[in-house]
Protein backbone atom coordinates (compact mmCIF):
# COMPACT_ATOMS: atom_id res chain seq x y z
CA MET A 1 -24.05 -4.23 10.86
CA ALA A 2 -23.06 -7.35 8.98
CA GLY A 3 -25.55 -9.87 7.70
CA ASN A 4 -25.33 -13.63 7.95
CA VAL A 5 -22.09 -14.98 6.52
CA LYS A 6 -20.54 -18.33 5.69
CA THR A 7 -17.73 -18.65 8.19
CA SER A 8 -16.29 -22.15 8.09
CA ASN A 9 -17.47 -23.55 4.78
CA LEU A 10 -18.64 -21.77 1.63
CA ALA A 11 -21.11 -24.58 0.94
CA GLU A 12 -23.02 -24.00 4.20
CA LYS A 13 -26.77 -24.18 3.69
CA ASN A 14 -27.61 -22.03 6.70
CA PRO A 15 -25.18 -19.15 7.15
CA VAL A 16 -24.90 -17.82 10.68
CA GLY A 17 -24.52 -14.38 12.16
CA GLU A 18 -21.04 -13.01 12.73
CA VAL A 19 -19.85 -10.46 15.25
CA PHE A 20 -17.01 -8.12 14.26
CA PHE A 21 -14.92 -6.22 16.80
CA PRO A 22 -12.56 -3.27 16.41
CA TYR A 23 -8.96 -4.50 16.42
CA ARG A 24 -8.16 -2.49 19.58
CA GLN A 25 -10.95 -4.21 21.48
CA ILE A 26 -9.77 -7.78 20.92
CA GLY A 27 -6.02 -7.23 21.21
CA VAL A 28 -4.79 -8.16 17.74
CA HIS A 29 -1.04 -8.73 17.84
CA SER A 30 -0.34 -8.27 14.15
CA VAL A 31 -2.04 -7.02 11.01
CA HIS A 32 -0.84 -7.78 7.50
CA PHE A 33 -1.43 -5.32 4.71
CA VAL A 34 -0.79 -5.93 1.01
CA ALA A 35 -1.15 -3.28 -1.69
CA GLN A 36 -0.66 -3.42 -5.43
CA THR A 37 0.40 -0.22 -7.09
CA ASP A 38 2.10 1.14 -10.16
CA ARG A 39 4.07 3.70 -8.16
CA GLU A 40 7.60 3.51 -6.80
CA ALA A 41 7.88 1.29 -3.71
CA ALA A 42 9.70 3.89 -1.58
CA TRP A 43 6.92 6.43 -2.14
CA ILE A 44 4.20 3.93 -1.23
CA ILE A 45 6.03 2.72 1.89
CA SER A 46 6.42 6.31 3.08
CA ALA A 47 2.76 7.09 2.40
CA VAL A 48 1.57 3.95 4.23
CA ARG A 49 3.75 4.78 7.24
CA GLN A 50 2.29 8.31 7.38
CA LEU A 51 -1.31 7.06 7.13
CA VAL A 52 -0.80 4.48 9.86
CA ALA A 53 0.90 7.06 12.09
CA GLN A 54 -2.08 9.40 11.61
CA ALA A 55 -4.52 6.61 12.50
CA ASP A 56 -2.58 5.40 15.55
CA PRO A 57 0.80 6.97 16.44
CA GLU A 58 1.61 4.14 18.86
CA LEU A 59 1.37 1.40 16.24
CA ALA A 60 4.68 -0.25 15.38
CA ILE A 61 5.32 -0.75 11.67
CA PHE A 62 7.94 -3.24 10.59
CA ASP A 63 8.78 -5.67 7.79
CA VAL A 64 7.59 -3.32 5.05
CA LEU A 65 8.74 -4.99 1.85
CA PRO A 66 8.05 -4.38 -1.82
CA LEU A 67 7.09 -7.51 -3.77
CA ALA A 68 8.19 -8.22 -7.35
CA VAL A 69 6.53 -11.45 -8.31
CA GLU A 70 4.28 -10.58 -11.19
CA ILE A 71 4.73 -12.24 -14.57
CA TYR A 72 4.94 -9.00 -16.51
CA GLY A 73 7.55 -7.48 -14.22
CA VAL A 74 9.81 -10.51 -14.23
CA LEU A 75 9.67 -11.13 -17.99
CA ALA A 76 9.96 -7.46 -18.91
CA TYR A 77 12.98 -7.12 -16.62
CA SER A 78 14.68 -10.17 -18.14
CA VAL A 79 14.10 -8.85 -21.67
CA THR A 80 15.37 -5.39 -20.69
CA GLN A 81 18.56 -7.01 -19.37
CA ARG A 82 19.06 -8.49 -22.85
CA THR A 83 18.79 -5.15 -24.68
CA ARG A 84 22.48 -5.13 -25.63
CA GLU A 85 22.24 -8.74 -26.89
CA ILE A 86 19.21 -7.80 -29.01
CA GLU A 87 21.08 -4.84 -30.50
CA ILE A 88 24.17 -6.94 -31.26
CA ARG A 89 22.08 -9.68 -32.93
CA THR A 90 20.43 -7.00 -35.07
CA ALA A 91 23.81 -5.46 -35.93
CA LEU A 92 25.09 -8.88 -37.01
CA GLY A 93 22.18 -9.33 -39.41
CA ALA A 94 19.34 -10.94 -37.49
CA SER A 95 15.98 -9.67 -38.68
CA PRO A 96 13.76 -7.93 -36.13
CA GLN A 97 11.12 -10.63 -36.67
CA ASP A 98 13.63 -13.38 -35.81
CA VAL A 99 14.76 -11.56 -32.66
CA LEU A 100 11.17 -10.95 -31.55
CA ALA A 101 10.23 -14.57 -32.21
CA MET A 102 13.24 -15.83 -30.25
CA ILE A 103 12.48 -13.67 -27.20
CA ILE A 104 8.75 -14.39 -27.21
CA VAL A 105 9.33 -18.15 -27.50
CA GLN A 106 11.82 -18.04 -24.61
CA GLY A 107 9.39 -15.99 -22.48
CA LEU A 108 6.52 -18.35 -23.27
CA ARG A 109 8.68 -21.38 -22.48
CA VAL A 110 9.42 -20.07 -18.99
CA SER A 111 5.79 -19.02 -18.49
CA PHE A 112 4.45 -22.34 -19.75
CA ILE A 113 6.54 -24.28 -17.24
CA GLY A 114 5.19 -22.13 -14.41
CA LEU A 115 1.59 -22.23 -15.69
CA ALA A 116 1.66 -25.99 -16.24
CA GLY A 117 3.10 -26.62 -12.79
CA GLY A 118 0.57 -24.27 -11.21
CA ALA A 119 -2.36 -25.84 -13.08
CA ILE A 120 -1.32 -29.33 -11.98
CA VAL A 121 -0.99 -28.27 -8.35
CA ALA A 122 -4.30 -26.37 -8.52
CA PHE A 123 -6.06 -29.38 -10.05
CA LEU A 124 -4.75 -31.65 -7.31
CA LEU A 125 -5.61 -29.19 -4.54
CA THR A 126 -9.20 -28.69 -5.74
CA ARG A 127 -9.80 -32.38 -5.04
CA PHE A 128 -9.08 -31.70 -1.37
CA MET A 129 -11.09 -28.47 -1.33
CA THR A 130 -14.39 -29.70 -2.78
CA ALA A 131 -16.20 -29.10 0.50
CA MET A 132 -15.10 -25.45 0.50
CA LEU A 133 -15.99 -24.69 -3.13
CA TYR A 134 -19.34 -22.98 -3.51
CA ASP A 135 -21.14 -23.40 -6.84
CA VAL A 136 -17.86 -24.34 -8.52
CA LYS A 137 -16.89 -27.76 -9.81
CA PRO A 138 -13.43 -28.92 -8.69
CA ALA A 139 -12.06 -29.23 -12.22
CA ASN A 140 -13.98 -26.46 -14.01
CA PRO A 141 -12.35 -26.23 -17.46
CA GLY A 142 -13.50 -22.64 -17.96
CA ILE A 143 -11.74 -21.44 -14.84
CA PHE A 144 -8.57 -23.39 -15.63
CA GLY A 145 -8.67 -21.99 -19.18
CA VAL A 146 -8.92 -18.38 -18.03
CA ILE A 147 -6.29 -18.92 -15.35
CA THR A 148 -3.82 -20.11 -17.99
CA LEU A 149 -4.90 -17.88 -20.90
CA VAL A 150 -4.61 -14.51 -19.15
CA PRO A 151 -1.06 -15.02 -17.82
CA GLY A 152 -0.08 -16.43 -21.24
CA VAL A 153 -1.21 -13.22 -22.96
CA VAL A 154 0.58 -11.18 -20.29
CA ALA A 155 3.75 -13.22 -20.94
CA ILE A 156 3.58 -12.43 -24.66
CA LEU A 157 3.12 -8.71 -23.98
CA ALA A 158 5.87 -8.73 -21.34
CA SER A 159 8.28 -10.18 -23.87
CA LEU A 160 7.06 -8.15 -26.85
CA ILE A 161 6.94 -4.59 -25.48
CA PRO A 162 10.54 -4.36 -24.13
CA SER A 163 11.81 -6.20 -27.24
CA LEU A 164 10.21 -3.62 -29.52
CA ARG A 165 11.82 -0.85 -27.47
CA ALA A 166 15.21 -2.53 -27.74
CA LEU A 167 14.82 -2.97 -31.50
CA ARG A 168 14.27 0.79 -31.91
CA ILE A 169 17.80 1.48 -30.63
CA HIS A 170 20.30 1.69 -33.46
CA PRO A 171 22.69 -1.31 -33.48
CA SER A 172 25.78 0.91 -33.72
CA THR A 173 25.02 2.15 -30.20
CA ALA A 174 25.49 -1.37 -28.80
CA LEU A 175 28.69 -1.94 -30.76
CA ARG A 176 30.23 1.26 -29.36
CA TYR A 177 30.03 -0.12 -25.82
CA GLU A 178 31.21 -3.68 -26.56
């Protein structure tokens, strides 16, 4: 049994009761499911299909797609693609500190553009959502600070970790393949 909930507006003073029905009883036409995992996408998709089939063998499953939109994944992938460039720069005399600084600055530049754009859009949207915000001020600097600080730290780590791995490879290895 569910208690009283805020259904249309989080700032409601008098929450009302809500009735929940099993999806089979109300004839839901589609259900969306999103999962975050550190496992391989093919394994997860297979496991989800098996679990759904066990729950209801007549359910149709379609449009199962892996998502790759996280900051760490995108930046780490882009740095990994530059492994050969990092090795060649090191072989030509660039210091590891210079290479790391270059990659981190480039990663932060891309992240900053995305974070700044997102913060501006979020700030503008909160003006329209003031009626739906519950115990939160529309332009709460603490929330905006955390929202930009955490992805910024992730961007630094996403640039730093693959760069350090690439710097451990001996430069002669890169020159053999070029």
